[in-house]
Amino acid sequence: MSDLGDWFRSIPLITRYWFAGSIAVPLVGKLGLVSPVNLFLWPDAFIHRFQIWRPITATFFFPVGPGTGFLYLVNLYFLYQYSSRLETGAFDGRPADYMFMLLFNWICIVITGLVMDMQLLMIPLIMSVLYVWAQLNRDMIVSFWFGTRFKACYLPWVILGFNYIIGGSVINELIGNLVGHLYFFLMFKYPMDLGGRNFLSTPQFLYRWLPNRRGGVSGFGVPPASMRRAAEDQQGGGRHNWGQGFRLGDHSAVLVDLTD
């Protein structure tokens, strides 16, 4: 148990709470301590009955059952891998900026979920993090099924396209990709590559709550070459070993190996 505890404590702070919440909330629903119907995002209940907890619980909740258990575990690992690598790489020493990215993506996904009647938000938020990671590591070569190799920047769309080909809904991946792209464009692409103004800025209260720190683990994620000079104070170098992506719709899976 001490090894498990040491491993858990070694997870970066924000990812640790996200990871723990994604275990605790489904467990609460599975054990019947809280009815799962109170954990979904239902627009009518949220807007008209003021059940304001639903956007939060819908982000952590996953309906674990005989047909979804493996999918849930893989997505849990998926969350752990990409969130950890962003938090200890591109956002190393800047927890407030990483929290702001998650909050921005989450708010966009919640608004979209209310408009489109999406009941679960876990997959879109994870995919938005994957998209940001893929763009910050866009020149890394990834190996897909059947020996297909391509740059990491295409990974989110390859996962989406593969899931579409095998015949299922891709709305979770699409929303996650679009939200991730919106953040990446406003935070990196537009101000650094196109010389535009900064539309996104981390609120000061987040810096007071999560102050910047020196040191820590760095080395995952490098901005596109054209951005490196402008973002050199925000980024480290390094390698990411591998990751996985899954579609919630019909429980099919996409395995992705990332190689040098």
Protein backbone atom coordinates (compact mmCIF):
# COMPACT_ATOMS: atom_id res chain seq x y z
CA MET A 1 0.00 0.00 0.00
CA SER A 2 2.89 2.36 0.67
CA ASP A 3 4.02 2.01 -2.94
CA LEU A 4 0.52 2.88 -4.14
CA GLY A 5 0.42 5.85 -1.78
CA ASP A 6 3.83 7.05 -2.96
CA TRP A 7 2.71 6.76 -6.56
CA PHE A 8 -0.48 8.69 -5.88
CA ARG A 9 1.39 11.46 -4.07
CA SER A 10 3.81 11.67 -6.99
CA ILE A 11 1.00 12.67 -9.37
CA PRO A 12 1.08 16.43 -10.07
CA LEU A 13 -1.25 18.35 -7.77
CA ILE A 14 -4.07 19.34 -10.14
CA THR A 15 -4.02 16.05 -12.02
CA ARG A 16 -4.08 14.24 -8.68
CA TYR A 17 -7.36 15.89 -7.64
CA TRP A 18 -8.88 15.41 -11.10
CA PHE A 19 -7.81 11.75 -11.09
CA ALA A 20 -9.11 11.18 -7.55
CA GLY A 21 -12.43 12.84 -8.34
CA SER A 22 -12.82 10.67 -11.42
CA ILE A 23 -12.53 7.61 -9.17
CA ALA A 24 -14.57 8.84 -6.21
CA VAL A 25 -17.64 10.14 -8.06
CA PRO A 26 -18.22 6.99 -10.18
CA LEU A 27 -17.65 4.88 -7.05
CA VAL A 28 -20.26 6.87 -5.14
CA GLY A 29 -22.72 6.30 -7.97
CA LYS A 30 -21.84 2.62 -8.33
CA LEU A 31 -22.31 1.94 -4.61
CA GLY A 32 -25.67 3.69 -4.65
CA LEU A 33 -24.64 6.30 -2.08
CA VAL A 34 -25.96 8.87 -4.55
CA SER A 35 -28.29 8.02 -7.39
CA PRO A 36 -26.52 8.33 -10.75
CA VAL A 37 -29.47 10.34 -12.08
CA ASN A 38 -28.31 13.14 -9.78
CA LEU A 39 -24.82 13.13 -11.33
CA PHE A 40 -25.64 13.67 -15.01
CA LEU A 41 -25.82 17.09 -16.63
CA TRP A 42 -29.50 17.73 -17.33
CA PRO A 43 -30.19 21.27 -18.59
CA ASP A 44 -33.67 21.44 -17.09
CA ALA A 45 -32.48 20.35 -13.65
CA PHE A 46 -29.50 22.69 -13.76
CA ILE A 47 -31.28 25.77 -15.07
CA HIS A 48 -34.80 25.52 -13.69
CA ARG A 49 -34.27 23.51 -10.51
CA PHE A 50 -30.93 25.14 -9.65
CA GLN A 51 -29.07 21.85 -9.21
CA ILE A 52 -25.80 23.67 -9.68
CA TRP A 53 -23.61 20.69 -8.84
CA ARG A 54 -24.45 18.85 -12.05
CA PRO A 55 -21.78 20.41 -14.34
CA ILE A 56 -19.15 19.34 -11.79
CA THR A 57 -20.41 15.82 -11.17
CA ALA A 58 -20.97 15.25 -14.90
CA THR A 59 -17.28 16.03 -15.43
CA PHE A 60 -16.15 13.36 -12.97
CA PHE A 61 -18.90 10.78 -13.35
CA PHE A 62 -18.67 7.74 -15.61
CA PRO A 63 -21.31 4.98 -15.74
CA VAL A 64 -19.16 2.02 -14.77
CA GLY A 65 -20.71 -1.34 -15.60
CA PRO A 66 -19.95 -4.69 -17.26
CA GLY A 67 -19.82 -3.08 -20.69
CA THR A 68 -17.97 0.09 -19.70
CA GLY A 69 -15.55 -0.95 -16.95
CA PHE A 70 -12.55 -1.49 -19.22
CA LEU A 71 -13.31 1.70 -21.12
CA TYR A 72 -13.49 3.62 -17.86
CA LEU A 73 -10.13 2.31 -16.65
CA VAL A 74 -8.43 3.15 -19.94
CA ASN A 75 -9.87 6.66 -19.94
CA LEU A 76 -8.71 7.07 -16.36
CA TYR A 77 -5.21 6.18 -17.47
CA PHE A 78 -5.68 8.42 -20.48
CA LEU A 79 -6.50 11.33 -18.15
CA TYR A 80 -3.52 10.56 -15.96
CA GLN A 81 -1.02 10.39 -18.80
CA TYR A 82 -1.87 13.54 -20.74
CA SER A 83 -2.79 15.75 -17.82
CA SER A 84 0.37 14.77 -15.95
CA ARG A 85 2.54 15.49 -18.95
CA LEU A 86 1.02 18.90 -19.55
CA GLU A 87 1.16 19.86 -15.89
CA THR A 88 4.80 18.80 -15.48
CA GLY A 89 5.86 19.87 -18.97
CA ALA A 90 4.39 22.87 -20.76
CA PHE A 91 2.90 24.16 -17.49
CA ASP A 92 5.72 23.11 -15.16
CA GLY A 93 5.94 25.48 -12.20
CA ARG A 94 2.78 27.30 -13.34
CA PRO A 95 -0.15 25.50 -11.69
CA ALA A 96 -2.39 28.57 -11.92
CA ASP A 97 -1.99 28.68 -15.70
CA TYR A 98 -2.77 24.98 -15.98
CA MET A 99 -5.82 25.34 -13.76
CA PHE A 100 -6.96 28.23 -15.94
CA MET A 101 -6.64 26.08 -19.06
CA LEU A 102 -8.79 23.37 -17.47
CA LEU A 103 -11.35 25.90 -16.25
CA PHE A 104 -11.57 27.58 -19.65
CA ASN A 105 -12.02 24.25 -21.42
CA TRP A 106 -14.49 23.06 -18.81
CA ILE A 107 -16.66 26.17 -19.04
CA CYS A 108 -16.77 25.91 -22.84
CA ILE A 109 -17.71 22.23 -22.59
CA VAL A 110 -20.40 22.88 -19.98
CA ILE A 111 -22.00 25.57 -22.16
CA THR A 112 -21.86 23.23 -25.15
CA GLY A 113 -23.27 20.39 -23.06
CA LEU A 114 -26.22 22.50 -21.94
CA VAL A 115 -26.97 23.57 -25.50
CA MET A 116 -26.56 20.09 -26.99
CA ASP A 117 -28.00 18.13 -24.07
CA MET A 118 -24.76 16.23 -23.35
CA GLN A 119 -25.12 14.33 -20.10
CA LEU A 120 -21.48 13.33 -19.53
CA LEU A 121 -18.49 15.68 -19.83
CA MET A 122 -15.53 13.49 -18.88
CA ILE A 123 -14.54 12.49 -22.44
CA PRO A 124 -14.72 16.00 -23.98
CA LEU A 125 -12.54 17.49 -21.23
CA ILE A 126 -9.95 14.73 -21.56
CA MET A 127 -9.94 15.13 -25.35
CA SER A 128 -9.43 18.88 -25.00
CA VAL A 129 -6.33 18.19 -22.91
CA LEU A 130 -5.15 15.66 -25.48
CA TYR A 131 -5.59 18.25 -28.23
CA VAL A 132 -3.49 20.83 -26.41
CA TRP A 133 -0.80 18.21 -25.75
CA ALA A 134 -0.84 17.15 -29.41
CA GLN A 135 -0.35 20.73 -30.59
CA LEU A 136 2.46 21.42 -28.15
CA ASN A 137 4.13 18.19 -29.34
CA ARG A 138 3.03 18.56 -32.94
CA ASP A 139 6.31 17.42 -34.51
CA MET A 140 6.54 14.19 -32.52
CA ILE A 141 5.91 11.09 -34.65
CA VAL A 142 3.18 8.80 -33.36
CA SER A 143 2.49 5.23 -34.45
CA PHE A 144 -1.13 4.27 -34.93
CA TRP A 145 -2.78 0.94 -35.72
CA PHE A 146 -1.49 -1.08 -38.68
CA GLY A 147 1.87 0.71 -38.56
CA THR A 148 0.48 4.09 -39.60
CA ARG A 149 2.81 6.94 -38.61
CA PHE A 150 2.06 10.63 -38.53
CA LYS A 151 2.76 13.78 -36.55
CA ALA A 152 1.18 14.15 -33.14
CA CYS A 153 -0.76 17.23 -34.20
CA TYR A 154 -3.05 14.96 -36.23
CA LEU A 155 -3.66 12.49 -33.42
CA PRO A 156 -6.96 13.93 -32.09
CA TRP A 157 -8.45 13.98 -35.58
CA VAL A 158 -7.21 10.50 -36.46
CA ILE A 159 -8.90 9.18 -33.31
CA LEU A 160 -12.10 11.00 -34.24
CA GLY A 161 -11.99 9.77 -37.85
CA PHE A 162 -11.29 6.19 -36.85
CA ASN A 163 -14.24 6.20 -34.49
CA TYR A 164 -16.46 7.62 -37.22
CA ILE A 165 -15.38 4.91 -39.67
CA ILE A 166 -16.21 2.09 -37.30
CA GLY A 167 -19.71 3.53 -37.00
CA GLY A 168 -20.41 5.45 -33.84
CA SER A 169 -21.03 8.89 -32.44
CA VAL A 170 -17.99 11.13 -32.29
CA ILE A 171 -19.63 14.12 -30.63
CA ASN A 172 -17.56 13.78 -27.44
CA GLU A 173 -14.26 13.77 -29.32
CA LEU A 174 -15.36 16.55 -31.67
CA ILE A 175 -16.43 18.87 -28.87
CA GLY A 176 -13.21 18.15 -26.99
CA ASN A 177 -11.07 18.81 -30.06
CA LEU A 178 -12.85 22.05 -30.89
CA VAL A 179 -12.58 23.35 -27.34
CA GLY A 180 -8.91 22.36 -27.18
CA HIS A 181 -8.33 24.15 -30.49
CA LEU A 182 -10.09 27.27 -29.22
CA TYR A 183 -7.80 27.41 -26.18
CA PHE A 184 -4.68 26.68 -28.19
CA PHE A 185 -5.56 29.30 -30.81
CA LEU A 186 -6.35 32.05 -28.31
CA MET A 187 -3.46 31.30 -25.97
CA PHE A 188 -0.67 30.39 -28.42
CA LYS A 189 -1.44 30.62 -32.12
CA TYR A 190 -3.13 34.01 -32.40
CA PRO A 191 -0.87 36.09 -30.12
CA MET A 192 2.42 34.33 -30.91
CA ASP A 193 2.18 33.38 -34.58
CA LEU A 194 -0.25 35.97 -35.87
CA GLY A 195 0.76 38.88 -33.67
CA GLY A 196 -2.70 39.36 -32.21
CA ARG A 197 -3.71 40.48 -28.76
CA ASN A 198 -3.94 38.14 -25.80
CA PHE A 199 -7.58 37.33 -25.21
CA LEU A 200 -6.88 34.83 -22.44
CA SER A 201 -5.16 35.74 -19.21
CA THR A 202 -5.01 33.80 -15.97
CA PRO A 203 -6.95 35.63 -13.21
CA GLN A 204 -4.89 36.96 -10.34
CA PHE A 205 -6.89 35.02 -7.74
CA LEU A 206 -5.59 31.78 -9.28
CA TYR A 207 -2.02 33.00 -8.84
CA ARG A 208 -2.76 33.78 -5.20
CA TRP A 209 -4.28 30.34 -4.76
CA LEU A 210 -1.70 28.48 -6.84
CA PRO A 211 1.47 30.61 -6.93
CA ASN A 212 4.16 29.94 -9.50
CA ARG A 213 7.12 27.94 -8.29
CA ARG A 214 10.62 27.22 -9.44
CA GLY A 215 12.02 23.75 -10.04
CA GLY A 216 9.90 20.64 -10.43
CA VAL A 217 9.80 18.10 -13.22
CA SER A 218 10.00 19.51 -16.71
CA GLY A 219 10.55 18.28 -20.21
CA PHE A 220 7.29 17.26 -21.84
CA GLY A 221 6.00 19.25 -24.75
CA VAL A 222 7.57 21.78 -27.08
CA PRO A 223 5.59 24.49 -28.85
CA PRO A 224 5.64 24.57 -32.64
CA ALA A 225 8.93 25.91 -33.96
CA SER A 226 7.44 29.27 -34.89
CA MET A 227 6.25 29.76 -31.31
CA ARG A 228 9.30 28.71 -29.35
CA ARG A 229 10.97 32.10 -29.03
CA ALA A 230 7.75 33.76 -27.90
CA ALA A 231 6.93 30.96 -25.50
CA GLU A 232 10.37 30.00 -24.22
CA ASP A 233 9.48 31.02 -20.69
CA GLN A 234 6.46 28.74 -20.77
CA GLN A 235 7.91 25.52 -22.09
CA GLY A 236 10.35 22.68 -21.49
CA GLY A 237 11.73 20.03 -23.83
CA GLY A 238 11.40 16.27 -23.73
CA ARG A 239 9.58 13.17 -24.89
CA HIS A 240 6.20 11.61 -24.27
CA ASN A 241 6.12 7.86 -24.50
CA TRP A 242 2.60 6.78 -25.35
CA GLY A 243 -1.10 7.44 -24.94
CA GLN A 244 -4.53 6.03 -25.65
CA GLY A 245 -7.85 7.32 -26.91
CA PHE A 246 -11.33 5.88 -26.62
CA ARG A 247 -14.84 6.69 -27.77
CA LEU A 248 -17.69 6.58 -25.27
CA GLY A 249 -20.46 5.78 -27.80
CA ASP A 250 -20.12 2.05 -28.53
CA HIS A 251 -17.20 1.24 -26.23
CA SER A 252 -14.73 0.70 -29.07
CA ALA A 253 -11.09 1.53 -28.47
CA VAL A 254 -8.21 3.16 -30.25
CA LEU A 255 -4.71 2.38 -29.05
CA VAL A 256 -1.93 4.77 -29.91
CA ASP A 257 1.77 4.20 -29.36
CA LEU A 258 3.99 7.24 -29.40
CA THR A 259 7.54 6.57 -30.44
CA ASP A 260 10.63 8.66 -31.02
